[in-house]
Amino acid sequence: MRVLISGGGTGGHIYPAVALIRHLKKHNENVECLYIGTENGLEARIIRDEGIPFKTVTISGFKRKLSIENVKTIVRFLQAVRQSKKYIKDFQPDVVIGTGGYVCGPVVYAACRKSIPTLIHEQNSVPGLTNKFLAKYVSKIAISFPDSATFFPKEKVHITGNPRASEVVTTEVTTGKIKLKELGLNVQKKTVLVVGGSRGAKPINDAVMKTLQHWQKKDYQCLYVTGEAHYEQVKAAVDQESYLKQLVIVPYISDMPSLLHEVDLLIARAGATTLAEITALGLPSILIPSPYVTNNHQEKNARSLEKAGAATVILEKEMSPDRLMTEIDNILADPLTLESMKKHALTLGKPHASAELETLIKDLIKGGA
């Protein structure tokens, strides 16, 4: 089976592709994969580090306002389609998969023009422009949230979930809360994990720093992953509170899937990868969606969990230290609430997403474009 995959721009498009490739290689002896991305995108480093064959095209996204740059983008798109056709001719894929981001537009479109079976995977509640464009050309569409089905031709849609969910569920977990112990936390206490993303999120940092005086009185504790950019500032503030033992801060966690198995509540942004992981594990959450993303898709992602009873949503403009602590108390102080949120999160989880995608891919290959 020869699989060509394209996706880029953000980790939310790239990591599901990587998870799918790992799954396909693990469960199929004769799989060959090729990844097409951009040289300047995040995918260039991630895919090469994975040892996956990698080719590039030059492409940019459309501006939302009329601009001469959009004319240049059309020219780049057509050039990228031609380049993609050459890669396709050389690689001879059985199926071509797009996981989002503008780079997969010309790649998947080129495959459609050559009558090769095609599939796009949408991670968010609201699809991006590229997947909306590709929807009318591709053979099948895999989605992570039922809400996004309304944007696509219903006869093509399959709800598979996000392959990242499969990875976090199958992560090898040691007996006991080893990660928490290594970080100096009390394994007997409930633990809140606060994550602002790899670069951190200033509004979350600001709110947490203003809650420091509250933590000493709680019967639960906090592990706070600040992000590299904000670590020194937060560490300095915490160090001033010499009595504070309920809160441990770190700049980064390399093995987040293992840690997610050990905590009781997550406070984070509402990116598609994060939500795929926590619903697969049944982890309750307080979600603070980023307002700086296209189509406000993070809030819409978060509202899907809130509607199901799996999460509480606090908008960034509503964030305050008192609101944050109140929401934490409401969840952790009530065992029934905590258990209910776990159960509802699991109902949304798709722990077998990679296997479902594999089945869809094989059906596509068997049936043709």
Foldseek 3Di string as FASTA:
>chain_A
DEEEEEEFDDCLLQVLVVLLVVVCVVVPVDYAYEYEEACPTPNVVVCVVVVHHYDYADADDDDPDDDPVNVVRVVSLVVLLVVLLVVCVVRVGQEYEYRYDPSCQSNQVSCLVVQHAYEYEALFLDGDPSCLVCQVRHQAYEYADPNNCVSHDVVRYDDQHGSLQQVLVPPDEDPAQVVCVVQPHDLVAAEEEEEAPQQADVLVLVLVLVCQVVQVPDRHAYEYQGHPNCQVVSVVSNVVVVVRDRYGYDPDDPCVSRNQLRHAEYEYEQRSSVLQNCLSQLHAYEHAHDCPDPPSRRVVSVVSLVVLLQYHYDYSVRDHNVVVVVVVCVQPVDPVSSVSNSVSSPVSHNNCSSVVVVVVSVVCSVVTD
